[in-house]
C-alpha cells in the first residue's frame, strides 16, 4: 500500500545503516607517534611549532585524518627511549617515527650500543604490529672519522636487517644552516622544522596512505 514501508525496504535501510556504521568505524584517524629526543620534542619552540604538530597540520591539509603524538624527550638517548617504550607508545598506534641517536653521537656513545637499542625498539614495535619509519642521524665530524663512519652506518644497516623504511637524515637541508637553526646551532627553529616537514612529508604520507589514511579523505 502506498505510504507504507515494506519489510524489504526495512531490510535495505538496515543494511545501508550497518554499512555506513562499519565505514565510520573504519575511517578513524591513523595514529602516529614521533619517538625521539629534543628534535621531536620541540626544544626552544612553541608547542605548535614542534615537528609532530607541524607534520600533523601538513598531512591534515592534504586531506588525511591523522593524529600525531609527540613522544620526544629532550636529552633522550636511544637507550633512554627503549626504557620508556612500553608506556610511550599507546596500544592503538599505527605508525612510529623513530627519531633518535643525536644525543648518542654528541656523547660519544659506542655505536654498537646505539645500534642494539634501536634494534630492540624497532623489533618491539614490529612485535606489536606497529609500522616503523626510521629517521637517520649523523655523527658530528669532531667525533673523528672512524666514529663517524661507524655511527652513520647504523641506520641503513638496521633498515636492511629489519626491513623498515628509512629516511636517511632527519636534519637534511637544515643541519649547519644558521638561518634554519636556533642560536645554539643544533636545534631547528620553526622555519627549520617546516623545512624538515616539507622534506620528510612524502615518505610519511606514503606510509599513512598504505595504512589507510586515505579512508580519512571524504568520498562522495
N, C-alpha and C. Protein backbone atom coordinates (compact mmCIF):
# COMPACT_ATOMS: atom_id res chain seq x y z
N UNK A 1 0.86 -1.19 0.00
CA UNK A 1 0.00 0.00 0.00
C UNK A 1 0.89 1.23 0.00
N UNK A 2 0.48 2.26 -0.77
CA UNK A 2 1.28 3.47 -0.87
C UNK A 2 1.45 4.10 0.50
N UNK A 3 2.68 4.64 0.77
CA UNK A 3 2.93 5.31 2.03
C UNK A 3 3.42 4.37 3.12
N UNK A 4 3.38 3.07 2.88
CA UNK A 4 3.83 2.12 3.89
C UNK A 4 5.20 1.57 3.49
N UNK A 5 6.05 1.35 4.47
CA UNK A 5 7.37 0.79 4.23
C UNK A 5 7.31 -0.71 4.42
N UNK A 6 7.57 -1.46 3.34
CA UNK A 6 7.53 -2.90 3.42
C UNK A 6 8.75 -3.46 4.12
N UNK A 7 8.70 -4.75 4.42
CA UNK A 7 9.81 -5.42 5.11
C UNK A 7 11.08 -5.34 4.29
N UNK A 8 10.93 -5.48 2.95
CA UNK A 8 12.12 -5.44 2.09
C UNK A 8 12.81 -4.08 2.18
N UNK A 9 12.00 -3.02 2.28
CA UNK A 9 12.58 -1.69 2.42
C UNK A 9 13.31 -1.54 3.75
N UNK A 10 12.74 -2.11 4.79
CA UNK A 10 13.37 -2.05 6.10
C UNK A 10 14.71 -2.77 6.09
N UNK A 11 14.73 -3.92 5.41
CA UNK A 11 15.98 -4.69 5.31
C UNK A 11 17.05 -3.89 4.57
N UNK A 12 16.62 -3.24 3.47
CA UNK A 12 17.57 -2.43 2.71
C UNK A 12 18.10 -1.28 3.54
N UNK A 13 17.21 -0.58 4.24
CA UNK A 13 17.63 0.54 5.07
C UNK A 13 18.57 0.09 6.18
N UNK A 14 18.24 -1.06 6.79
CA UNK A 14 19.09 -1.60 7.85
C UNK A 14 20.48 -1.96 7.31
N UNK A 15 20.50 -2.56 6.13
CA UNK A 15 21.78 -2.93 5.51
C UNK A 15 22.62 -1.70 5.24
N UNK A 16 21.98 -0.66 4.69
CA UNK A 16 22.70 0.58 4.40
C UNK A 16 23.23 1.22 5.68
N UNK A 17 22.42 1.18 6.74
CA UNK A 17 22.85 1.76 8.02
C UNK A 17 24.03 1.00 8.60
N UNK A 18 23.98 -0.32 8.51
CA UNK A 18 25.09 -1.13 9.02
C UNK A 18 26.36 -0.87 8.23
N UNK A 19 26.22 -0.72 6.91
CA UNK A 19 27.38 -0.44 6.07
C UNK A 19 27.98 0.92 6.41
N UNK A 20 27.09 1.89 6.62
CA UNK A 20 27.57 3.23 6.97
C UNK A 20 28.26 3.23 8.32
N UNK A 21 27.72 2.46 9.26
CA UNK A 21 28.32 2.37 10.59
C UNK A 21 29.69 1.72 10.52
N UNK A 22 29.79 0.65 9.71
CA UNK A 22 31.07 -0.04 9.57
C UNK A 22 32.10 0.88 8.93
N UNK A 23 31.67 1.65 7.91
CA UNK A 23 32.60 2.57 7.25
C UNK A 23 33.09 3.64 8.21
N UNK A 24 32.17 4.14 9.04
CA UNK A 24 32.55 5.16 10.01
C UNK A 24 33.57 4.63 10.99
N UNK A 25 33.39 3.35 11.39
CA UNK A 25 34.33 2.75 12.33
C UNK A 25 35.70 2.58 11.71
N UNK A 26 35.71 2.32 10.38
CA UNK A 26 36.97 2.10 9.69
C UNK A 26 37.69 3.39 9.34
N UNK A 27 36.96 4.51 9.38
CA UNK A 27 37.53 5.75 8.87
C UNK A 27 38.10 6.64 9.96
N UNK A 28 38.42 6.06 11.10
CA UNK A 28 39.04 6.83 12.16
C UNK A 28 40.43 7.27 11.74
N UNK A 29 41.00 8.20 12.47
CA UNK A 29 42.32 8.72 12.10
C UNK A 29 43.42 7.68 12.25
N UNK A 30 44.42 7.78 11.40
CA UNK A 30 45.63 6.99 11.56
C UNK A 30 46.44 7.65 12.67
N UNK A 31 46.92 6.84 13.60
CA UNK A 31 47.58 7.39 14.79
C UNK A 31 49.08 7.14 14.72
N UNK A 32 49.82 8.24 14.83
CA UNK A 32 51.27 8.21 14.77
C UNK A 32 51.86 8.70 16.08
N UNK A 33 53.06 8.23 16.36
CA UNK A 33 53.85 8.76 17.47
C UNK A 33 55.24 9.06 16.94
N UNK A 34 55.78 10.22 17.29
CA UNK A 34 57.17 10.53 16.97
C UNK A 34 57.98 10.26 18.24
N UNK A 35 58.71 9.16 18.21
CA UNK A 35 59.53 8.77 19.36
C UNK A 35 60.92 9.35 19.16
N UNK A 36 61.28 10.32 19.97
CA UNK A 36 62.55 10.97 19.71
C UNK A 36 63.09 11.75 20.88
N UNK A 37 63.97 12.68 20.55
CA UNK A 37 64.65 13.50 21.54
C UNK A 37 64.18 14.94 21.40
N UNK A 38 65.05 15.91 21.68
CA UNK A 38 64.65 17.32 21.62
C UNK A 38 64.24 17.76 20.23
N UNK A 39 64.74 17.08 19.19
CA UNK A 39 64.37 17.44 17.82
C UNK A 39 62.90 17.14 17.56
N UNK A 40 62.36 16.16 18.26
CA UNK A 40 60.93 15.86 18.18
C UNK A 40 60.15 16.66 19.21
N UNK A 41 60.73 16.80 20.40
CA UNK A 41 60.02 17.47 21.49
C UNK A 41 59.76 18.93 21.18
N UNK A 42 60.62 19.55 20.36
CA UNK A 42 60.44 20.95 20.01
C UNK A 42 61.17 21.88 20.95
N UNK A 43 62.37 21.50 21.32
CA UNK A 43 63.19 22.31 22.22
C UNK A 43 63.30 23.75 21.71
N UNK A 44 63.00 24.71 22.60
CA UNK A 44 63.12 26.11 22.27
C UNK A 44 62.02 26.67 21.39
N UNK A 45 61.00 25.87 21.12
CA UNK A 45 59.92 26.30 20.22
C UNK A 45 58.59 26.34 20.96
N UNK A 46 57.66 27.10 20.41
CA UNK A 46 56.28 26.99 20.87
C UNK A 46 55.78 25.59 20.53
N UNK A 47 54.88 25.07 21.34
CA UNK A 47 54.38 23.71 21.13
C UNK A 47 53.84 23.53 19.70
N UNK A 48 53.18 24.53 19.20
CA UNK A 48 52.57 24.42 17.87
C UNK A 48 53.62 24.28 16.77
N UNK A 49 54.85 24.71 17.05
CA UNK A 49 55.90 24.66 16.03
C UNK A 49 56.75 23.41 16.09
N UNK A 50 56.51 22.54 17.07
CA UNK A 50 57.27 21.30 17.17
C UNK A 50 56.99 20.41 15.96
N UNK A 51 57.93 19.57 15.65
CA UNK A 51 57.83 18.73 14.45
C UNK A 51 56.53 17.93 14.38
N UNK A 52 56.11 17.22 15.43
CA UNK A 52 54.87 16.43 15.31
C UNK A 52 53.66 17.29 14.95
N UNK A 53 53.57 18.49 15.54
CA UNK A 53 52.42 19.34 15.28
C UNK A 53 52.45 19.92 13.87
N UNK A 54 53.63 20.34 13.43
CA UNK A 54 53.72 20.85 12.05
C UNK A 54 53.43 19.75 11.03
N UNK A 55 53.92 18.56 11.29
CA UNK A 55 53.66 17.44 10.38
C UNK A 55 52.18 17.09 10.35
N UNK A 56 51.54 17.08 11.50
CA UNK A 56 50.12 16.77 11.55
C UNK A 56 49.32 17.80 10.76
N UNK A 57 49.62 19.07 10.93
CA UNK A 57 48.89 20.10 10.19
C UNK A 57 49.06 19.92 8.68
N UNK A 58 50.27 19.60 8.26
CA UNK A 58 50.53 19.43 6.83
C UNK A 58 49.75 18.26 6.26
N UNK A 59 49.73 17.15 6.99
CA UNK A 59 49.02 15.97 6.49
C UNK A 59 47.51 16.19 6.47
N UNK A 60 47.00 16.86 7.49
CA UNK A 60 45.57 17.17 7.52
C UNK A 60 45.21 18.10 6.37
N UNK A 61 46.08 19.06 6.10
CA UNK A 61 45.82 19.99 4.99
C UNK A 61 45.79 19.26 3.66
N UNK A 62 46.44 18.12 3.59
CA UNK A 62 46.47 17.34 2.35
C UNK A 62 45.35 16.29 2.31
N UNK A 63 44.44 16.36 3.29
CA UNK A 63 43.25 15.53 3.23
C UNK A 63 43.29 14.25 4.02
N UNK A 64 44.28 14.09 4.89
CA UNK A 64 44.40 12.86 5.68
C UNK A 64 43.92 13.09 7.10
N UNK A 65 43.25 12.10 7.63
CA UNK A 65 42.84 12.13 9.04
C UNK A 65 43.92 11.44 9.84
N UNK A 66 44.71 12.22 10.55
CA UNK A 66 45.81 11.68 11.34
C UNK A 66 45.83 12.35 12.71
N UNK A 67 46.35 11.62 13.67
CA UNK A 67 46.65 12.18 14.98
C UNK A 67 48.09 11.82 15.29
N UNK A 68 48.90 12.83 15.55
CA UNK A 68 50.33 12.60 15.79
C UNK A 68 50.67 13.03 17.21
N UNK A 69 51.14 12.09 18.00
CA UNK A 69 51.52 12.36 19.38
C UNK A 69 53.01 12.66 19.44
N UNK A 70 53.36 13.59 20.30
CA UNK A 70 54.76 13.96 20.49
C UNK A 70 55.37 13.08 21.57
N UNK A 71 56.19 12.13 21.13
CA UNK A 71 56.89 11.25 22.06
C UNK A 71 58.34 11.63 22.20
N UNK A 72 58.64 12.91 22.06
CA UNK A 72 60.01 13.38 22.18
C UNK A 72 60.34 13.78 23.60
N UNK A 73 61.53 13.46 24.05
CA UNK A 73 62.03 13.86 25.37
C UNK A 73 63.41 14.47 25.17
N UNK A 74 63.55 15.73 25.53
CA UNK A 74 64.82 16.41 25.33
C UNK A 74 65.94 15.71 26.10
N UNK A 75 67.06 15.52 25.43
CA UNK A 75 68.20 14.86 26.04
C UNK A 75 68.19 13.36 25.97
N UNK A 76 67.12 12.79 25.41
CA UNK A 76 66.99 11.34 25.42
C UNK A 76 67.98 10.68 24.46
N UNK A 77 68.46 9.52 24.86
CA UNK A 77 69.29 8.68 24.01
C UNK A 77 68.46 7.51 23.52
N UNK A 78 69.03 6.72 22.65
CA UNK A 78 68.33 5.53 22.16
C UNK A 78 68.03 4.58 23.31
N UNK A 79 68.99 4.41 24.20
CA UNK A 79 68.77 3.53 25.36
C UNK A 79 67.69 4.09 26.27
N UNK A 80 67.69 5.41 26.45
CA UNK A 80 66.66 6.03 27.27
C UNK A 80 65.27 5.83 26.69
N UNK A 81 65.16 5.97 25.40
CA UNK A 81 63.86 5.77 24.75
C UNK A 81 63.40 4.33 24.86
N UNK A 82 64.35 3.41 24.82
CA UNK A 82 64.00 2.00 24.96
C UNK A 82 63.37 1.73 26.32
N UNK A 83 63.88 2.36 27.36
CA UNK A 83 63.36 2.11 28.71
C UNK A 83 61.93 2.64 28.89
N UNK A 84 61.54 3.63 28.10
CA UNK A 84 60.19 4.18 28.24
C UNK A 84 59.25 3.74 27.13
N UNK A 85 59.70 2.82 26.32
CA UNK A 85 58.95 2.46 25.11
C UNK A 85 57.55 1.95 25.42
N UNK A 86 57.41 1.11 26.42
CA UNK A 86 56.12 0.47 26.70
C UNK A 86 55.03 1.48 27.00
N UNK A 87 55.36 2.52 27.76
CA UNK A 87 54.31 3.48 28.10
C UNK A 87 54.28 4.68 27.17
N UNK A 88 55.30 4.83 26.34
CA UNK A 88 55.35 5.98 25.43
C UNK A 88 54.53 5.76 24.17
N UNK A 89 54.26 4.50 23.84
CA UNK A 89 53.55 4.17 22.60
C UNK A 89 52.20 3.53 22.94
N UNK A 90 51.10 4.26 22.76
CA UNK A 90 49.77 3.71 23.07
C UNK A 90 49.46 2.47 22.25
N UNK A 91 48.54 1.67 22.75
CA UNK A 91 48.18 0.40 22.11
C UNK A 91 47.62 0.59 20.71
N UNK A 92 46.93 1.69 20.47
CA UNK A 92 46.26 1.87 19.17
C UNK A 92 47.12 2.61 18.15
N UNK A 93 48.41 2.68 18.39
CA UNK A 93 49.32 3.36 17.47
C UNK A 93 49.47 2.57 16.17
N UNK A 94 49.42 3.28 15.05
CA UNK A 94 49.58 2.65 13.75
C UNK A 94 51.01 2.75 13.21
N UNK A 95 51.66 3.88 13.49
CA UNK A 95 52.98 4.15 12.92
C UNK A 95 53.81 4.93 13.93
N UNK A 96 55.07 4.54 14.06
CA UNK A 96 56.01 5.28 14.91
C UNK A 96 57.16 5.77 14.04
N UNK A 97 57.43 7.06 14.11
CA UNK A 97 58.63 7.63 13.51
C UNK A 97 59.71 7.62 14.59
N UNK A 98 60.74 6.82 14.39
CA UNK A 98 61.82 6.72 15.38
C UNK A 98 62.90 7.72 15.00
N UNK A 99 63.02 8.77 15.80
CA UNK A 99 63.98 9.85 15.58
C UNK A 99 64.91 9.89 16.79
N UNK A 100 65.97 9.15 16.75
CA UNK A 100 66.87 9.01 17.89
C UNK A 100 68.31 8.88 17.42
N UNK A 101 69.23 9.20 18.31
CA UNK A 101 70.64 8.99 18.02
C UNK A 101 71.48 10.24 18.11
N UNK A 102 70.87 11.42 18.02
CA UNK A 102 71.66 12.65 18.06
C UNK A 102 72.43 12.77 19.36
N UNK A 103 71.77 12.50 20.48
CA UNK A 103 72.44 12.61 21.77
C UNK A 103 73.46 11.50 21.98
N UNK A 104 73.19 10.33 21.40
CA UNK A 104 74.18 9.26 21.46
C UNK A 104 75.49 9.74 20.83
N UNK A 105 75.38 10.35 19.65
CA UNK A 105 76.58 10.80 18.93
C UNK A 105 77.27 11.94 19.67
N UNK A 106 76.49 12.88 20.19
CA UNK A 106 77.09 14.01 20.89
C UNK A 106 77.83 13.56 22.14
N UNK A 107 77.37 12.47 22.76
CA UNK A 107 78.01 11.97 23.98
C UNK A 107 79.05 10.90 23.70
N UNK A 108 79.23 10.57 22.44
CA UNK A 108 80.23 9.57 22.09
C UNK A 108 79.87 8.16 22.52
N UNK A 109 78.57 7.87 22.58
CA UNK A 109 78.12 6.53 22.95
C UNK A 109 78.63 5.53 21.90
N UNK A 110 79.05 4.38 22.36
CA UNK A 110 79.51 3.32 21.46
C UNK A 110 78.42 3.04 20.42
N UNK A 111 78.72 3.16 19.13
CA UNK A 111 77.70 2.91 18.10
C UNK A 111 77.04 1.54 18.21
N UNK A 112 77.77 0.57 18.73
CA UNK A 112 77.17 -0.76 18.91
C UNK A 112 76.02 -0.69 19.91
N UNK A 113 76.18 0.12 20.95
CA UNK A 113 75.12 0.28 21.95
C UNK A 113 73.90 0.97 21.33
N UNK A 114 74.15 1.99 20.53
CA UNK A 114 73.05 2.68 19.85
C UNK A 114 72.33 1.73 18.89
N UNK A 115 73.10 0.98 18.14
CA UNK A 115 72.53 0.00 17.20
C UNK A 115 71.63 -0.98 17.94
N UNK A 116 72.12 -1.53 19.04
CA UNK A 116 71.36 -2.53 19.79
C UNK A 116 70.07 -1.95 20.35
N UNK A 117 70.13 -0.73 20.89
CA UNK A 117 68.93 -0.12 21.46
C UNK A 117 67.90 0.17 20.39
N UNK A 118 68.34 0.73 19.26
CA UNK A 118 67.40 1.00 18.17
C UNK A 118 66.82 -0.29 17.61
N UNK A 119 67.63 -1.31 17.54
CA UNK A 119 67.14 -2.60 17.05
C UNK A 119 66.05 -3.15 17.96
N UNK A 120 66.26 -3.05 19.25
CA UNK A 120 65.25 -3.54 20.20
C UNK A 120 63.97 -2.72 20.12
N UNK A 121 64.11 -1.41 19.94
CA UNK A 121 62.93 -0.56 19.80
C UNK A 121 62.12 -0.98 18.58
N UNK A 122 62.79 -1.13 17.46
CA UNK A 122 62.08 -1.47 16.22
C UNK A 122 61.44 -2.85 16.31
N UNK A 123 62.19 -3.82 16.81
CA UNK A 123 61.65 -5.18 16.90
C UNK A 123 60.47 -5.24 17.87
N UNK A 124 60.53 -4.48 18.96
CA UNK A 124 59.40 -4.45 19.90
C UNK A 124 58.16 -3.87 19.23
N UNK A 125 58.33 -2.79 18.49
CA UNK A 125 57.20 -2.18 17.78
C UNK A 125 56.66 -3.12 16.71
N UNK A 126 57.54 -3.78 15.99
CA UNK A 126 57.09 -4.74 14.98
C UNK A 126 56.33 -5.88 15.63
N UNK A 127 56.76 -6.29 16.80
CA UNK A 127 56.06 -7.34 17.52
C UNK A 127 54.67 -6.93 17.95
N UNK A 128 54.44 -5.63 18.02
CA UNK A 128 53.11 -5.10 18.35
C UNK A 128 52.34 -4.73 17.07
N UNK A 129 52.87 -5.13 15.92
CA UNK A 129 52.24 -4.86 14.61
C UNK A 129 52.11 -3.37 14.34
N UNK A 130 53.10 -2.62 14.79
CA UNK A 130 53.17 -1.18 14.54
C UNK A 130 54.22 -0.93 13.47
N UNK A 131 53.85 -0.18 12.47
CA UNK A 131 54.79 0.14 11.39
C UNK A 131 55.79 1.18 11.89
N UNK A 132 57.01 1.09 11.38
CA UNK A 132 58.09 1.97 11.83
C UNK A 132 58.71 2.69 10.63
N UNK A 133 58.93 3.98 10.81
CA UNK A 133 59.78 4.76 9.90
C UNK A 133 61.00 5.17 10.69
N UNK A 134 62.16 4.74 10.24
CA UNK A 134 63.40 5.06 10.93
C UNK A 134 64.00 6.33 10.31
N UNK A 135 64.22 7.34 11.16
CA UNK A 135 64.84 8.58 10.72
C UNK A 135 66.30 8.56 11.12
N UNK A 136 67.17 8.63 10.15
CA UNK A 136 68.59 8.54 10.40
C UNK A 136 69.18 9.81 11.00
N UNK A 137 70.33 9.63 11.63
CA UNK A 137 71.08 10.76 12.19
C UNK A 137 72.54 10.59 11.78
N UNK A 138 73.29 11.68 11.85
CA UNK A 138 74.71 11.63 11.51
C UNK A 138 75.54 12.15 12.67
N UNK A 139 76.68 11.53 12.86
CA UNK A 139 77.59 11.97 13.92
C UNK A 139 78.28 13.26 13.51
N UNK A 140 78.55 14.15 14.47
CA UNK A 140 79.30 15.36 14.14
C UNK A 140 80.74 15.01 13.76
N UNK A 141 81.31 15.74 12.83
CA UNK A 141 82.65 15.38 12.35
C UNK A 141 83.73 15.47 13.42
N UNK A 142 83.49 16.23 14.49
CA UNK A 142 84.53 16.35 15.51
C UNK A 142 84.69 15.08 16.34
N UNK A 143 83.84 14.07 16.09
CA UNK A 143 83.97 12.80 16.80
C UNK A 143 85.04 11.92 16.17
N UNK A 144 85.56 12.33 15.03
CA UNK A 144 86.59 11.54 14.37
C UNK A 144 86.01 10.71 13.24
N UNK A 145 86.83 10.45 12.25
CA UNK A 145 86.35 9.76 11.04
C UNK A 145 85.88 8.34 11.33
N UNK A 146 86.59 7.61 12.19
CA UNK A 146 86.20 6.22 12.47
C UNK A 146 84.85 6.16 13.16
N UNK A 147 84.68 6.99 14.19
CA UNK A 147 83.40 7.02 14.91
C UNK A 147 82.28 7.44 13.96
N UNK A 148 82.55 8.47 13.18
CA UNK A 148 81.53 8.99 12.25
C UNK A 148 81.08 7.91 11.28
N UNK A 149 82.02 7.18 10.72
CA UNK A 149 81.68 6.15 9.75
C UNK A 149 80.87 5.03 10.40
N UNK A 150 81.28 4.60 11.59
CA UNK A 150 80.57 3.51 12.27
C UNK A 150 79.18 3.93 12.69
N UNK A 151 79.08 5.15 13.23
CA UNK A 151 77.77 5.62 13.69
C UNK A 151 76.82 5.82 12.51
N UNK A 152 77.28 6.47 11.47
CA UNK A 152 76.41 6.78 10.34
C UNK A 152 75.88 5.55 9.63
N UNK A 153 76.60 4.44 9.77
CA UNK A 153 76.18 3.20 9.11
C UNK A 153 75.07 2.47 9.85
N UNK A 154 74.78 2.90 11.08
CA UNK A 154 73.79 2.22 11.91
C UNK A 154 72.44 2.12 11.21
N UNK A 155 71.99 3.22 10.67
CA UNK A 155 70.60 3.34 10.23
C UNK A 155 70.31 2.51 8.97
N UNK A 156 71.19 2.58 8.00
CA UNK A 156 70.97 1.78 6.80
C UNK A 156 71.07 0.29 7.12
N UNK A 157 71.96 -0.06 8.05
CA UNK A 157 72.09 -1.47 8.44
C UNK A 157 70.81 -1.97 9.11
N UNK A 158 70.25 -1.16 9.98
CA UNK A 158 69.00 -1.55 10.65
C UNK A 158 67.85 -1.64 9.64
N UNK A 159 67.78 -0.69 8.74
CA UNK A 159 66.71 -0.69 7.74
C UNK A 159 66.75 -1.96 6.90
N UNK A 160 67.96 -2.36 6.52
CA UNK A 160 68.10 -3.59 5.72
C UNK A 160 67.73 -4.82 6.54
N UNK A 161 68.28 -4.91 7.73
CA UNK A 161 68.07 -6.11 8.54
C UNK A 161 66.61 -6.29 8.93
N UNK A 162 65.97 -5.21 9.34
CA UNK A 162 64.62 -5.30 9.89
C UNK A 162 63.54 -4.92 8.88
N UNK A 163 63.95 -4.61 7.66
CA UNK A 163 63.02 -4.31 6.57
C UNK A 163 62.06 -3.18 6.95
N UNK A 164 62.65 -2.05 7.35
CA UNK A 164 61.84 -0.88 7.67
C UNK A 164 62.24 0.26 6.73
N UNK A 165 61.31 1.13 6.39
CA UNK A 165 61.66 2.28 5.56
C UNK A 165 62.58 3.23 6.32
N UNK A 166 63.49 3.85 5.58
CA UNK A 166 64.49 4.73 6.18
C UNK A 166 64.43 6.11 5.53
N UNK A 167 64.34 7.12 6.38
CA UNK A 167 64.58 8.49 5.93
C UNK A 167 66.01 8.79 6.35
N UNK A 168 66.93 8.88 5.41
CA UNK A 168 68.36 8.80 5.74
C UNK A 168 68.88 9.78 6.78
N UNK A 169 68.42 11.04 6.73
CA UNK A 169 68.96 12.04 7.66
C UNK A 169 67.85 12.99 8.07
N UNK A 170 67.45 12.94 9.33
CA UNK A 170 66.32 13.74 9.80
C UNK A 170 66.54 15.23 9.58
N UNK A 171 67.78 15.69 9.71
CA UNK A 171 68.08 17.11 9.60
C UNK A 171 68.53 17.52 8.19
N UNK A 172 68.20 16.72 7.22
CA UNK A 172 68.59 17.00 5.83
C UNK A 172 68.10 18.39 5.42
N UNK A 173 69.04 19.17 4.88
CA UNK A 173 68.69 20.51 4.43
C UNK A 173 68.64 21.56 5.51
N UNK A 174 68.80 21.14 6.75
CA UNK A 174 68.67 22.06 7.89
C UNK A 174 69.96 22.14 8.71
N UNK A 175 70.62 21.02 8.89
CA UNK A 175 71.84 20.98 9.70
C UNK A 175 72.87 21.97 9.16
N UNK A 176 73.46 22.72 10.07
CA UNK A 176 74.54 23.66 9.76
C UNK A 176 74.08 24.89 8.98
N UNK A 177 72.79 25.06 8.83
CA UNK A 177 72.27 26.26 8.17
C UNK A 177 71.81 27.24 9.25
N UNK A 178 72.55 28.32 9.48
CA UNK A 178 72.21 29.23 10.58
C UNK A 178 70.83 29.86 10.45
N UNK A 179 70.33 30.01 9.23
CA UNK A 179 69.01 30.61 9.05
C UNK A 179 67.88 29.68 9.48
N UNK A 180 68.18 28.39 9.58
CA UNK A 180 67.15 27.41 9.91
C UNK A 180 67.32 26.82 11.31
N UNK A 181 68.29 27.35 12.05
CA UNK A 181 68.55 26.82 13.39
C UNK A 181 68.49 27.92 14.44
N UNK A 182 68.29 27.50 15.66
CA UNK A 182 68.32 28.43 16.78
C UNK A 182 69.76 28.86 17.06
N UNK A 183 69.93 29.72 18.04
CA UNK A 183 71.24 30.29 18.32
C UNK A 183 72.28 29.24 18.68
N UNK A 184 71.83 28.08 19.21
CA UNK A 184 72.80 27.05 19.60
C UNK A 184 73.39 26.32 18.39
N UNK A 185 72.80 26.54 17.22
CA UNK A 185 73.31 25.91 16.01
C UNK A 185 72.99 24.43 15.91
N UNK A 186 72.20 23.91 16.83
CA UNK A 186 71.87 22.48 16.87
C UNK A 186 70.40 22.22 16.63
N UNK A 187 69.56 23.02 17.29
CA UNK A 187 68.12 22.78 17.23
C UNK A 187 67.46 23.67 16.18
N UNK A 188 66.66 23.08 15.30
CA UNK A 188 65.99 23.87 14.27
C UNK A 188 65.04 24.91 14.87
N UNK A 189 64.93 26.04 14.21
CA UNK A 189 63.88 26.99 14.57
C UNK A 189 62.59 26.58 13.87
N UNK A 190 61.55 27.36 14.02
CA UNK A 190 60.26 26.98 13.45
C UNK A 190 60.34 26.82 11.93
N UNK A 191 61.11 27.70 11.30
CA UNK A 191 61.26 27.60 9.85
C UNK A 191 62.05 26.35 9.47
N UNK A 192 63.04 26.03 10.29
CA UNK A 192 63.81 24.81 10.05
C UNK A 192 62.96 23.56 10.19
N UNK A 193 62.09 23.55 11.18
CA UNK A 193 61.19 22.41 11.34
C UNK A 193 60.27 22.30 10.14
N UNK A 194 59.80 23.42 9.64
CA UNK A 194 58.94 23.40 8.46
C UNK A 194 59.68 22.80 7.26
N UNK A 195 60.98 23.08 7.17
CA UNK A 195 61.79 22.50 6.10
C UNK A 195 61.91 20.99 6.26
N UNK A 196 62.10 20.54 7.51
CA UNK A 196 62.16 19.10 7.77
C UNK A 196 60.85 18.44 7.37
N UNK A 197 59.75 19.06 7.76
CA UNK A 197 58.43 18.51 7.43
C UNK A 197 58.25 18.44 5.92
N UNK A 198 58.65 19.48 5.23
CA UNK A 198 58.49 19.52 3.78
C UNK A 198 59.26 18.39 3.10
N UNK A 199 60.43 18.06 3.64
CA UNK A 199 61.27 17.03 3.03
C UNK A 199 60.84 15.61 3.40
N UNK A 200 60.42 15.41 4.64
CA UNK A 200 60.07 14.05 5.08
C UNK A 200 58.61 13.72 4.79
N UNK A 201 57.80 14.74 4.55
CA UNK A 201 56.37 14.52 4.39
C UNK A 201 56.00 13.49 3.32
N UNK A 202 56.63 13.50 2.13
CA UNK A 202 56.24 12.49 1.13
C UNK A 202 56.44 11.06 1.62
N UNK A 203 57.48 10.83 2.40
CA UNK A 203 57.74 9.49 2.92
C UNK A 203 56.67 9.10 3.94
N UNK A 204 56.39 10.02 4.86
CA UNK A 204 55.37 9.75 5.87
C UNK A 204 54.00 9.58 5.22
N UNK A 205 53.70 10.43 4.27
CA UNK A 205 52.39 10.39 3.62
C UNK A 205 52.17 9.06 2.91
N UNK A 206 53.20 8.54 2.26
CA UNK A 206 53.07 7.25 1.58
C UNK A 206 52.75 6.14 2.58
N UNK A 207 53.36 6.20 3.75
CA UNK A 207 53.09 5.19 4.77
C UNK A 207 51.69 5.35 5.34
N UNK A 208 51.28 6.60 5.53
CA UNK A 208 49.94 6.87 6.05
C UNK A 208 48.89 6.34 5.08
N UNK A 209 49.11 6.57 3.80
CA UNK A 209 48.17 6.07 2.79
C UNK A 209 48.15 4.54 2.82
N UNK A 210 49.32 3.95 2.92
CA UNK A 210 49.41 2.50 2.99
C UNK A 210 48.63 1.95 4.19
N UNK A 211 48.67 2.68 5.28
CA UNK A 211 47.98 2.24 6.50
C UNK A 211 46.48 2.53 6.44
N UNK A 212 46.08 3.25 5.43
CA UNK A 212 44.65 3.52 5.29
C UNK A 212 44.26 4.94 5.60
N UNK A 213 45.22 5.87 5.55
CA UNK A 213 44.87 7.26 5.83
C UNK A 213 43.97 7.83 4.75
N UNK A 214 43.97 7.20 3.57
CA UNK A 214 43.08 7.68 2.51
C UNK A 214 41.62 7.47 2.88
N UNK A 215 41.37 6.63 3.90
CA UNK A 215 39.99 6.49 4.39
C UNK A 215 39.53 7.79 5.05
N UNK A 216 40.51 8.65 5.41
CA UNK A 216 40.17 9.90 6.05
C UNK A 216 39.72 10.96 5.06
N UNK A 217 40.00 10.73 3.78
CA UNK A 217 39.58 11.69 2.76
C UNK A 217 38.10 11.50 2.49
N UNK A 218 37.35 12.55 2.52
CA UNK A 218 35.90 12.45 2.33
C UNK A 218 35.61 12.00 0.92
N UNK A 219 34.86 10.92 0.80
CA UNK A 219 34.48 10.41 -0.51
C UNK A 219 32.98 10.56 -0.70
N UNK A 220 32.62 10.82 -1.91
CA UNK A 220 31.20 11.01 -2.22
C UNK A 220 30.64 9.74 -2.87
